[in-house]
Amino acid sequence: MNIDLTIQELKEFDGGVVDTSSLIYLQRLFLLALTASRTKLYVLPQVCKEFFLPLPVAVRRLDVVAADTDNAVLIAAQTHGLAVISEDKYILRQAKKTHIPHFNTLMLVLFLRFKNAINEQQYLESVEKLREFAHYGAPVFAFAESVFTTMKSHGELSACFTGIVEKSEHHLHGSIERRK
């Protein structure tokens, strides 16, 4: 696993075909609606049937004919030039083998942090929740920590905050001026 390549993929990430497992994980983290509002999430009818819960309005639908859901996710991603988002090792291995960008929920949480959709505390809390229920091994968490640390050391995360802090200070200053 290459940290710099992963950071580049996170920067370029513009959406993907989501498997049921990742929908469940995002829902358990209470991040499904937020993720759908920050990037393009696509689901297949088969995934909708497996998920059972209503999806956020921002989640888009794709229809692909395949023998099973796993292959349908891969075909949809490849056909539409999208990433695969899954927790399923088979799907992730097949995506890697066919050079389709692929992410799990932990990487999506990193994406949300990179895009400043969540703050550092929310990021750390989400990782801790994933440690409780996700089926990731220690190397997966260690890699994510390395990516996070590298992004922080390269100023990738602090750059996200600069504009927000300046806007907040400007807004606060403007509010104080209006009260006088």
N, C-alpha and C. Protein backbone atom coordinates (compact mmCIF):
# COMPACT_ATOMS: atom_id res chain seq x y z
N MET A 1 0.84 -1.18 0.00
CA MET A 1 0.00 0.00 0.00
C MET A 1 0.89 1.24 0.00
N ASN A 2 0.55 2.15 -0.87
CA ASN A 2 1.35 3.34 -1.08
C ASN A 2 0.61 4.56 -0.51
N ILE A 3 1.21 5.20 0.48
CA ILE A 3 0.57 6.33 1.15
C ILE A 3 0.35 7.50 0.20
N ASP A 4 1.37 7.88 -0.57
CA ASP A 4 1.24 9.01 -1.48
C ASP A 4 0.19 8.76 -2.56
N LEU A 5 0.14 7.54 -3.06
CA LEU A 5 -0.87 7.18 -4.06
C LEU A 5 -2.27 7.26 -3.45
N THR A 6 -2.41 6.78 -2.23
CA THR A 6 -3.71 6.84 -1.55
C THR A 6 -4.15 8.28 -1.34
N ILE A 7 -3.24 9.14 -0.92
CA ILE A 7 -3.58 10.56 -0.73
C ILE A 7 -4.01 11.16 -2.06
N GLN A 8 -3.29 10.84 -3.13
CA GLN A 8 -3.66 11.35 -4.45
C GLN A 8 -5.05 10.85 -4.85
N GLU A 9 -5.33 9.57 -4.59
CA GLU A 9 -6.64 9.02 -4.92
C GLU A 9 -7.74 9.68 -4.10
N LEU A 10 -7.46 9.99 -2.83
CA LEU A 10 -8.44 10.69 -2.00
C LEU A 10 -8.70 12.10 -2.53
N LYS A 11 -7.65 12.76 -3.00
CA LYS A 11 -7.80 14.10 -3.58
C LYS A 11 -8.66 14.05 -4.84
N GLU A 12 -8.49 13.00 -5.64
CA GLU A 12 -9.20 12.89 -6.91
C GLU A 12 -10.55 12.21 -6.79
N PHE A 13 -10.84 11.63 -5.65
CA PHE A 13 -12.07 10.87 -5.44
C PHE A 13 -13.29 11.75 -5.69
N ASP A 14 -14.15 11.28 -6.58
CA ASP A 14 -15.35 12.05 -6.91
C ASP A 14 -16.59 11.18 -6.84
N GLY A 15 -16.49 10.05 -6.20
CA GLY A 15 -17.66 9.20 -6.05
C GLY A 15 -17.38 7.77 -6.44
N GLY A 16 -18.32 6.92 -6.11
CA GLY A 16 -18.13 5.52 -6.42
C GLY A 16 -19.41 4.71 -6.25
N VAL A 17 -19.31 3.47 -6.66
CA VAL A 17 -20.41 2.52 -6.53
C VAL A 17 -20.26 1.86 -5.15
N VAL A 18 -21.30 1.97 -4.36
CA VAL A 18 -21.24 1.53 -2.97
C VAL A 18 -21.88 0.16 -2.81
N ASP A 19 -21.17 -0.71 -2.14
CA ASP A 19 -21.67 -2.04 -1.79
C ASP A 19 -22.48 -1.93 -0.50
N THR A 20 -23.31 -2.91 -0.25
CA THR A 20 -24.16 -2.93 0.94
C THR A 20 -23.35 -2.81 2.22
N SER A 21 -22.24 -3.49 2.29
CA SER A 21 -21.43 -3.47 3.52
C SER A 21 -20.99 -2.07 3.89
N SER A 22 -20.59 -1.27 2.93
CA SER A 22 -20.16 0.10 3.21
C SER A 22 -21.34 1.00 3.56
N LEU A 23 -22.49 0.76 2.95
CA LEU A 23 -23.68 1.51 3.36
C LEU A 23 -24.00 1.27 4.83
N ILE A 24 -23.90 0.01 5.22
CA ILE A 24 -24.17 -0.35 6.62
C ILE A 24 -23.17 0.33 7.55
N TYR A 25 -21.90 0.27 7.20
CA TYR A 25 -20.87 0.90 8.04
C TYR A 25 -21.09 2.41 8.14
N LEU A 26 -21.35 3.06 7.01
CA LEU A 26 -21.58 4.51 7.03
C LEU A 26 -22.81 4.85 7.85
N GLN A 27 -23.84 4.03 7.76
CA GLN A 27 -25.06 4.25 8.55
C GLN A 27 -24.76 4.10 10.04
N ARG A 28 -23.99 3.09 10.40
CA ARG A 28 -23.64 2.88 11.82
C ARG A 28 -22.81 4.04 12.37
N LEU A 29 -22.05 4.69 11.50
CA LEU A 29 -21.24 5.84 11.92
C LEU A 29 -22.04 7.15 11.85
N PHE A 30 -23.27 7.08 11.37
CA PHE A 30 -24.11 8.27 11.15
C PHE A 30 -23.45 9.23 10.15
N LEU A 31 -22.78 8.66 9.15
CA LEU A 31 -22.09 9.47 8.15
C LEU A 31 -22.61 9.25 6.72
N LEU A 32 -23.65 8.46 6.56
CA LEU A 32 -24.14 8.15 5.22
C LEU A 32 -24.66 9.41 4.51
N ALA A 33 -25.53 10.15 5.15
CA ALA A 33 -26.09 11.35 4.52
C ALA A 33 -25.00 12.38 4.23
N LEU A 34 -24.09 12.55 5.18
CA LEU A 34 -23.00 13.51 5.00
C LEU A 34 -22.11 13.10 3.82
N THR A 35 -21.76 11.83 3.77
CA THR A 35 -20.91 11.34 2.68
C THR A 35 -21.61 11.54 1.33
N ALA A 36 -22.90 11.22 1.29
CA ALA A 36 -23.66 11.38 0.04
C ALA A 36 -23.76 12.85 -0.37
N SER A 37 -23.69 13.75 0.60
CA SER A 37 -23.75 15.18 0.26
C SER A 37 -22.39 15.73 -0.19
N ARG A 38 -21.29 15.02 0.12
CA ARG A 38 -19.95 15.50 -0.21
C ARG A 38 -19.34 14.85 -1.44
N THR A 39 -19.91 13.73 -1.87
CA THR A 39 -19.41 13.05 -3.06
C THR A 39 -20.55 12.29 -3.71
N LYS A 40 -20.33 11.78 -4.89
CA LYS A 40 -21.37 11.04 -5.60
C LYS A 40 -21.33 9.58 -5.18
N LEU A 41 -22.38 9.14 -4.53
CA LEU A 41 -22.52 7.73 -4.16
C LEU A 41 -23.58 7.11 -5.07
N TYR A 42 -23.23 5.98 -5.68
CA TYR A 42 -24.13 5.27 -6.57
C TYR A 42 -24.44 3.91 -5.97
N VAL A 43 -25.71 3.50 -6.08
CA VAL A 43 -26.10 2.18 -5.61
C VAL A 43 -26.86 1.46 -6.72
N LEU A 44 -26.80 0.16 -6.66
CA LEU A 44 -27.50 -0.69 -7.61
C LEU A 44 -28.80 -1.19 -6.96
N PRO A 45 -29.80 -1.57 -7.76
CA PRO A 45 -31.05 -2.07 -7.20
C PRO A 45 -30.83 -3.25 -6.24
N GLN A 46 -29.86 -4.12 -6.59
CA GLN A 46 -29.58 -5.28 -5.72
C GLN A 46 -29.11 -4.81 -4.34
N VAL A 47 -28.30 -3.77 -4.32
CA VAL A 47 -27.78 -3.23 -3.05
C VAL A 47 -28.92 -2.60 -2.25
N CYS A 48 -29.81 -1.89 -2.94
CA CYS A 48 -30.96 -1.29 -2.25
C CYS A 48 -31.80 -2.36 -1.56
N LYS A 49 -32.00 -3.49 -2.24
CA LYS A 49 -32.79 -4.59 -1.65
C LYS A 49 -32.10 -5.16 -0.42
N GLU A 50 -30.78 -5.27 -0.47
CA GLU A 50 -30.03 -5.82 0.67
C GLU A 50 -29.96 -4.85 1.85
N PHE A 51 -29.97 -3.57 1.57
CA PHE A 51 -29.78 -2.55 2.61
C PHE A 51 -31.02 -2.34 3.45
N PHE A 52 -32.20 -2.45 2.90
CA PHE A 52 -33.50 -2.34 3.59
C PHE A 52 -33.89 -0.92 4.00
N LEU A 53 -32.95 -0.09 4.47
CA LEU A 53 -33.28 1.23 4.99
C LEU A 53 -33.41 2.24 3.85
N PRO A 54 -34.16 3.32 4.09
CA PRO A 54 -34.23 4.35 3.06
C PRO A 54 -32.86 5.02 2.89
N LEU A 55 -32.53 5.37 1.67
CA LEU A 55 -31.25 6.02 1.38
C LEU A 55 -31.44 7.53 1.30
N PRO A 56 -30.39 8.27 1.64
CA PRO A 56 -30.47 9.73 1.47
C PRO A 56 -30.79 10.08 0.02
N VAL A 57 -31.49 11.17 -0.18
CA VAL A 57 -31.90 11.60 -1.51
C VAL A 57 -30.70 11.77 -2.43
N ALA A 58 -29.56 12.20 -1.89
CA ALA A 58 -28.37 12.46 -2.71
C ALA A 58 -27.74 11.19 -3.29
N VAL A 59 -28.11 10.02 -2.79
CA VAL A 59 -27.55 8.78 -3.33
C VAL A 59 -28.19 8.51 -4.70
N ARG A 60 -27.35 8.25 -5.67
CA ARG A 60 -27.81 8.07 -7.05
C ARG A 60 -27.97 6.59 -7.37
N ARG A 61 -28.82 6.28 -8.33
CA ARG A 61 -29.09 4.90 -8.72
C ARG A 61 -28.43 4.58 -10.05
N LEU A 62 -27.90 3.37 -10.13
CA LEU A 62 -27.35 2.82 -11.38
C LEU A 62 -27.98 1.45 -11.56
N ASP A 63 -28.13 1.04 -12.80
CA ASP A 63 -28.68 -0.28 -13.06
C ASP A 63 -27.71 -1.05 -13.94
N VAL A 64 -27.27 -2.19 -13.46
CA VAL A 64 -26.33 -3.04 -14.19
C VAL A 64 -26.80 -4.49 -14.07
N VAL A 65 -26.76 -5.19 -15.16
CA VAL A 65 -27.15 -6.60 -15.16
C VAL A 65 -25.90 -7.44 -14.93
N ALA A 66 -25.95 -8.28 -13.91
CA ALA A 66 -24.84 -9.20 -13.60
C ALA A 66 -25.40 -10.38 -12.82
N ALA A 67 -24.62 -11.45 -12.77
CA ALA A 67 -25.05 -12.66 -12.10
C ALA A 67 -25.27 -12.45 -10.60
N ASP A 68 -24.45 -11.61 -9.99
CA ASP A 68 -24.58 -11.38 -8.55
C ASP A 68 -24.22 -9.93 -8.22
N THR A 69 -24.51 -9.54 -7.00
CA THR A 69 -24.29 -8.16 -6.57
C THR A 69 -22.82 -7.78 -6.64
N ASP A 70 -21.93 -8.65 -6.19
CA ASP A 70 -20.50 -8.34 -6.19
C ASP A 70 -20.01 -7.97 -7.58
N ASN A 71 -20.34 -8.81 -8.55
CA ASN A 71 -19.91 -8.54 -9.93
C ASN A 71 -20.61 -7.33 -10.50
N ALA A 72 -21.85 -7.10 -10.11
CA ALA A 72 -22.59 -5.93 -10.59
C ALA A 72 -21.90 -4.64 -10.12
N VAL A 73 -21.43 -4.63 -8.87
CA VAL A 73 -20.72 -3.46 -8.34
C VAL A 73 -19.46 -3.21 -9.16
N LEU A 74 -18.71 -4.25 -9.44
CA LEU A 74 -17.48 -4.12 -10.21
C LEU A 74 -17.74 -3.67 -11.64
N ILE A 75 -18.75 -4.26 -12.28
CA ILE A 75 -19.08 -3.90 -13.66
C ILE A 75 -19.55 -2.45 -13.72
N ALA A 76 -20.39 -2.04 -12.77
CA ALA A 76 -20.89 -0.66 -12.76
C ALA A 76 -19.73 0.33 -12.59
N ALA A 77 -18.83 0.03 -11.68
CA ALA A 77 -17.69 0.93 -11.46
C ALA A 77 -16.83 1.03 -12.72
N GLN A 78 -16.54 -0.11 -13.31
CA GLN A 78 -15.69 -0.12 -14.50
C GLN A 78 -16.39 0.56 -15.69
N THR A 79 -17.65 0.28 -15.89
CA THR A 79 -18.41 0.84 -17.01
C THR A 79 -18.53 2.35 -16.92
N HIS A 80 -18.73 2.86 -15.70
CA HIS A 80 -18.98 4.29 -15.51
C HIS A 80 -17.75 5.07 -15.03
N GLY A 81 -16.60 4.40 -14.95
CA GLY A 81 -15.37 5.08 -14.54
C GLY A 81 -15.41 5.57 -13.10
N LEU A 82 -16.00 4.77 -12.23
CA LEU A 82 -16.15 5.14 -10.83
C LEU A 82 -15.31 4.24 -9.94
N ALA A 83 -15.10 4.67 -8.73
CA ALA A 83 -14.42 3.84 -7.73
C ALA A 83 -15.40 2.80 -7.17
N VAL A 84 -14.85 1.80 -6.53
CA VAL A 84 -15.63 0.82 -5.79
C VAL A 84 -15.50 1.15 -4.32
N ILE A 85 -16.62 1.12 -3.60
CA ILE A 85 -16.61 1.35 -2.16
C ILE A 85 -17.22 0.11 -1.52
N SER A 86 -16.39 -0.62 -0.79
CA SER A 86 -16.84 -1.89 -0.22
C SER A 86 -15.98 -2.29 0.96
N GLU A 87 -16.50 -3.19 1.75
CA GLU A 87 -15.75 -3.81 2.84
C GLU A 87 -15.39 -5.24 2.46
N ASP A 88 -15.95 -5.73 1.38
CA ASP A 88 -15.81 -7.11 0.94
C ASP A 88 -14.43 -7.33 0.31
N LYS A 89 -13.65 -8.23 0.90
CA LYS A 89 -12.28 -8.47 0.42
C LYS A 89 -12.26 -8.95 -1.03
N TYR A 90 -13.23 -9.77 -1.41
CA TYR A 90 -13.28 -10.27 -2.79
C TYR A 90 -13.45 -9.09 -3.76
N ILE A 91 -14.41 -8.23 -3.46
CA ILE A 91 -14.68 -7.08 -4.34
C ILE A 91 -13.45 -6.17 -4.41
N LEU A 92 -12.84 -5.90 -3.27
CA LEU A 92 -11.67 -5.02 -3.24
C LEU A 92 -10.50 -5.63 -4.00
N ARG A 93 -10.30 -6.94 -3.85
CA ARG A 93 -9.21 -7.62 -4.59
C ARG A 93 -9.45 -7.56 -6.09
N GLN A 94 -10.70 -7.81 -6.50
CA GLN A 94 -11.03 -7.77 -7.93
C GLN A 94 -10.86 -6.35 -8.48
N ALA A 95 -11.25 -5.36 -7.69
CA ALA A 95 -11.08 -3.96 -8.13
C ALA A 95 -9.60 -3.66 -8.31
N LYS A 96 -8.79 -4.08 -7.36
CA LYS A 96 -7.35 -3.85 -7.46
C LYS A 96 -6.78 -4.55 -8.69
N LYS A 97 -7.19 -5.78 -8.89
CA LYS A 97 -6.68 -6.58 -10.02
C LYS A 97 -7.02 -5.93 -11.37
N THR A 98 -8.18 -5.26 -11.43
CA THR A 98 -8.62 -4.64 -12.69
C THR A 98 -8.36 -3.13 -12.71
N HIS A 99 -7.54 -2.67 -11.77
CA HIS A 99 -7.11 -1.26 -11.70
C HIS A 99 -8.27 -0.27 -11.52
N ILE A 100 -9.29 -0.68 -10.77
CA ILE A 100 -10.40 0.22 -10.44
C ILE A 100 -10.07 0.82 -9.07
N PRO A 101 -10.11 2.14 -8.93
CA PRO A 101 -9.88 2.72 -7.60
C PRO A 101 -10.88 2.12 -6.60
N HIS A 102 -10.42 1.86 -5.41
CA HIS A 102 -11.29 1.20 -4.43
C HIS A 102 -11.00 1.72 -3.03
N PHE A 103 -12.06 1.82 -2.25
CA PHE A 103 -11.99 2.36 -0.90
C PHE A 103 -12.89 1.55 0.02
N ASN A 104 -12.52 1.56 1.29
CA ASN A 104 -13.43 1.03 2.30
C ASN A 104 -13.96 2.22 3.10
N THR A 105 -14.79 1.95 4.09
CA THR A 105 -15.38 3.04 4.87
C THR A 105 -14.32 3.83 5.62
N LEU A 106 -13.29 3.18 6.10
CA LEU A 106 -12.22 3.90 6.80
C LEU A 106 -11.59 4.95 5.88
N MET A 107 -11.40 4.61 4.63
CA MET A 107 -10.84 5.58 3.68
C MET A 107 -11.86 6.70 3.38
N LEU A 108 -13.14 6.37 3.39
CA LEU A 108 -14.15 7.42 3.20
C LEU A 108 -14.16 8.40 4.38
N VAL A 109 -13.92 7.87 5.58
CA VAL A 109 -13.83 8.76 6.75
C VAL A 109 -12.61 9.67 6.59
N LEU A 110 -11.51 9.14 6.10
CA LEU A 110 -10.34 9.97 5.79
C LEU A 110 -10.69 11.02 4.73
N PHE A 111 -11.44 10.61 3.72
CA PHE A 111 -11.88 11.54 2.68
C PHE A 111 -12.70 12.68 3.29
N LEU A 112 -13.63 12.33 4.17
CA LEU A 112 -14.45 13.36 4.82
C LEU A 112 -13.59 14.32 5.64
N ARG A 113 -12.57 13.77 6.29
CA ARG A 113 -11.66 14.62 7.06
C ARG A 113 -10.86 15.51 6.12
N PHE A 114 -10.37 14.94 5.04
CA PHE A 114 -9.59 15.71 4.07
C PHE A 114 -10.42 16.85 3.48
N LYS A 115 -11.69 16.59 3.21
CA LYS A 115 -12.58 17.60 2.65
C LYS A 115 -13.14 18.54 3.72
N ASN A 116 -12.71 18.33 4.95
CA ASN A 116 -13.13 19.16 6.07
C ASN A 116 -14.63 19.05 6.36
N ALA A 117 -15.22 17.92 5.97
CA ALA A 117 -16.63 17.67 6.27
C ALA A 117 -16.80 17.26 7.73
N ILE A 118 -15.73 16.71 8.31
CA ILE A 118 -15.71 16.39 9.74
C ILE A 118 -14.41 16.94 10.32
N ASN A 119 -14.44 17.23 11.61
CA ASN A 119 -13.22 17.74 12.25
C ASN A 119 -12.38 16.58 12.76
N GLU A 120 -11.23 16.89 13.32
CA GLU A 120 -10.32 15.84 13.76
C GLU A 120 -10.94 14.97 14.85
N GLN A 121 -11.66 15.58 15.77
CA GLN A 121 -12.30 14.81 16.83
C GLN A 121 -13.33 13.83 16.26
N GLN A 122 -14.13 14.27 15.31
CA GLN A 122 -15.11 13.39 14.67
C GLN A 122 -14.42 12.27 13.91
N TYR A 123 -13.32 12.61 13.27
CA TYR A 123 -12.54 11.60 12.56
C TYR A 123 -12.07 10.52 13.54
N LEU A 124 -11.45 10.95 14.65
CA LEU A 124 -10.93 10.00 15.63
C LEU A 124 -12.05 9.17 16.26
N GLU A 125 -13.18 9.78 16.53
CA GLU A 125 -14.33 9.04 17.09
C GLU A 125 -14.85 8.00 16.09
N SER A 126 -14.90 8.37 14.83
CA SER A 126 -15.35 7.43 13.80
C SER A 126 -14.40 6.25 13.68
N VAL A 127 -13.10 6.52 13.74
CA VAL A 127 -12.11 5.43 13.68
C VAL A 127 -12.29 4.51 14.88
N GLU A 128 -12.51 5.07 16.05
CA GLU A 128 -12.72 4.24 17.26
C GLU A 128 -13.96 3.38 17.12
N LYS A 129 -15.03 3.94 16.57
CA LYS A 129 -16.25 3.15 16.34
C LYS A 129 -15.98 2.02 15.36
N LEU A 130 -15.22 2.33 14.30
CA LEU A 130 -14.88 1.28 13.34
C LEU A 130 -14.06 0.18 14.00
N ARG A 131 -13.20 0.54 14.92
CA ARG A 131 -12.42 -0.48 15.65
C ARG A 131 -13.34 -1.44 16.40
N GLU A 132 -14.48 -0.94 16.83
CA GLU A 132 -15.43 -1.76 17.59
C GLU A 132 -16.18 -2.77 16.72
N PHE A 133 -16.54 -2.37 15.50
CA PHE A 133 -17.39 -3.28 14.72
C PHE A 133 -16.87 -3.68 13.34
N ALA A 134 -15.93 -2.93 12.79
CA ALA A 134 -15.46 -3.24 11.44
C ALA A 134 -14.53 -4.46 11.46
N HIS A 135 -14.52 -5.16 10.38
CA HIS A 135 -13.68 -6.35 10.26
C HIS A 135 -12.35 -6.02 9.58
N TYR A 136 -11.68 -4.98 10.07
CA TYR A 136 -10.38 -4.60 9.55
C TYR A 136 -9.30 -5.16 10.46
N GLY A 137 -8.21 -5.58 9.87
CA GLY A 137 -7.07 -6.01 10.65
C GLY A 137 -6.25 -4.80 11.10
N ALA A 138 -5.33 -5.05 12.01
CA ALA A 138 -4.45 -3.99 12.52
C ALA A 138 -3.70 -3.28 11.40
N PRO A 139 -3.22 -3.99 10.35
CA PRO A 139 -2.51 -3.29 9.27
C PRO A 139 -3.37 -2.24 8.55
N VAL A 140 -4.66 -2.48 8.43
CA VAL A 140 -5.55 -1.53 7.76
C VAL A 140 -5.65 -0.24 8.59
N PHE A 141 -5.84 -0.39 9.89
CA PHE A 141 -5.89 0.78 10.76
C PHE A 141 -4.54 1.51 10.79
N ALA A 142 -3.46 0.74 10.80
CA ALA A 142 -2.12 1.36 10.81
C ALA A 142 -1.88 2.14 9.52
N PHE A 143 -2.31 1.59 8.40
CA PHE A 143 -2.15 2.30 7.13
C PHE A 143 -2.96 3.59 7.13
N ALA A 144 -4.20 3.52 7.59
CA ALA A 144 -5.03 4.73 7.65
C ALA A 144 -4.39 5.78 8.55
N GLU A 145 -3.83 5.35 9.65
CA GLU A 145 -3.15 6.28 10.56
C GLU A 145 -1.95 6.92 9.87
N SER A 146 -1.23 6.14 9.08
CA SER A 146 -0.09 6.68 8.33
C SER A 146 -0.55 7.70 7.30
N VAL A 147 -1.64 7.41 6.62
CA VAL A 147 -2.17 8.35 5.63
C VAL A 147 -2.59 9.64 6.34
N PHE A 148 -3.30 9.50 7.44
CA PHE A 148 -3.76 10.67 8.20
C PHE A 148 -2.58 11.51 8.68
N THR A 149 -1.57 10.86 9.24
CA THR A 149 -0.39 11.56 9.75
C THR A 149 0.35 12.26 8.62
N THR A 150 0.48 11.60 7.49
CA THR A 150 1.15 12.19 6.33
C THR A 150 0.38 13.40 5.81
N MET A 151 -0.93 13.27 5.72
CA MET A 151 -1.75 14.39 5.27
C MET A 151 -1.58 15.58 6.21
N LYS A 152 -1.54 15.29 7.50
CA LYS A 152 -1.37 16.36 8.49
C LYS A 152 0.00 17.01 8.36
N SER A 153 1.04 16.20 8.24
CA SER A 153 2.40 16.73 8.17
C SER A 153 2.65 17.52 6.89
N HIS A 154 1.94 17.18 5.81
CA HIS A 154 2.09 17.89 4.54
C HIS A 154 1.19 19.12 4.49
N GLY A 155 0.48 19.37 5.57
CA GLY A 155 -0.40 20.54 5.60
C GLY A 155 -1.69 20.36 4.84
N GLU A 156 -1.99 19.12 4.43
CA GLU A 156 -3.22 18.87 3.66
C GLU A 156 -4.46 19.18 4.50
N LEU A 157 -4.38 18.89 5.80
CA LEU A 157 -5.53 19.11 6.65
C LEU A 157 -5.59 20.53 7.18
N SER A 158 -4.46 21.10 7.55
CA SER A 158 -4.47 22.46 8.08
C SER A 158 -4.91 23.45 7.00
N ALA A 159 -4.58 23.16 5.75
CA ALA A 159 -4.99 24.04 4.66
C ALA A 159 -6.51 24.10 4.57
N CYS A 160 -7.16 22.98 4.89
CA CYS A 160 -8.63 22.95 4.86
C CYS A 160 -9.19 23.90 5.91
N PHE A 161 -8.53 23.98 7.06
CA PHE A 161 -9.05 24.79 8.15
C PHE A 161 -8.83 26.27 7.95
N THR A 162 -7.80 26.66 7.25
CA THR A 162 -7.43 28.07 7.13
C THR A 162 -8.61 28.92 6.66
N GLY A 163 -9.24 28.52 5.58
CA GLY A 163 -10.36 29.29 5.06
C GLY A 163 -11.52 29.36 6.02
N ILE A 164 -11.78 28.27 6.72
CA ILE A 164 -12.90 28.24 7.65
C ILE A 164 -12.63 29.14 8.84
N VAL A 165 -11.43 29.09 9.37
CA VAL A 165 -11.09 29.94 10.52
C VAL A 165 -11.18 31.40 10.11
N GLU A 166 -10.63 31.74 8.94
CA GLU A 166 -10.70 33.13 8.48
C GLU A 166 -12.15 33.57 8.30
N LYS A 167 -12.98 32.71 7.70
CA LYS A 167 -14.38 33.05 7.50
C LYS A 167 -15.09 33.20 8.84
N SER A 168 -14.80 32.31 9.77
CA SER A 168 -15.44 32.38 11.09
C SER A 168 -15.05 33.66 11.81
N GLU A 169 -13.76 34.00 11.77
CA GLU A 169 -13.30 35.22 12.43
C GLU A 169 -13.93 36.44 11.77
N HIS A 170 -14.01 36.42 10.42
CA HIS A 170 -14.61 37.54 9.71
C HIS A 170 -16.08 37.67 10.08
N HIS A 171 -16.79 36.54 10.12
CA HIS A 171 -18.21 36.52 10.45
C HIS A 171 -18.41 37.01 11.88
N LEU A 172 -17.58 36.53 12.81
CA LEU A 172 -17.68 36.93 14.21
C LEU A 172 -17.40 38.43 14.33
N HIS A 173 -16.37 38.92 13.67
CA HIS A 173 -16.02 40.34 13.72
C HIS A 173 -17.19 41.17 13.18
N GLY A 174 -17.76 40.73 12.07
CA GLY A 174 -18.90 41.43 11.49
C GLY A 174 -20.10 41.46 12.43
N SER A 175 -20.34 40.36 13.14
CA SER A 175 -21.45 40.29 14.10
C SER A 175 -21.22 41.25 15.25
N ILE A 176 -20.00 41.34 15.74
CA ILE A 176 -19.67 42.23 16.84
C ILE A 176 -19.84 43.68 16.40
N GLU A 177 -19.38 43.99 15.17
CA GLU A 177 -19.49 45.35 14.65
C GLU A 177 -20.96 45.77 14.53
N ARG A 178 -21.82 44.84 14.06
CA ARG A 178 -23.23 45.16 13.89
C ARG A 178 -23.91 45.43 15.23
N ARG A 179 -23.47 44.73 16.28
CA ARG A 179 -24.08 44.91 17.61
C ARG A 179 -23.75 46.27 18.22
N LYS A 180 -22.62 46.83 17.85
CA LYS A 180 -22.20 48.12 18.42
C LYS A 180 -23.06 49.18 17.91
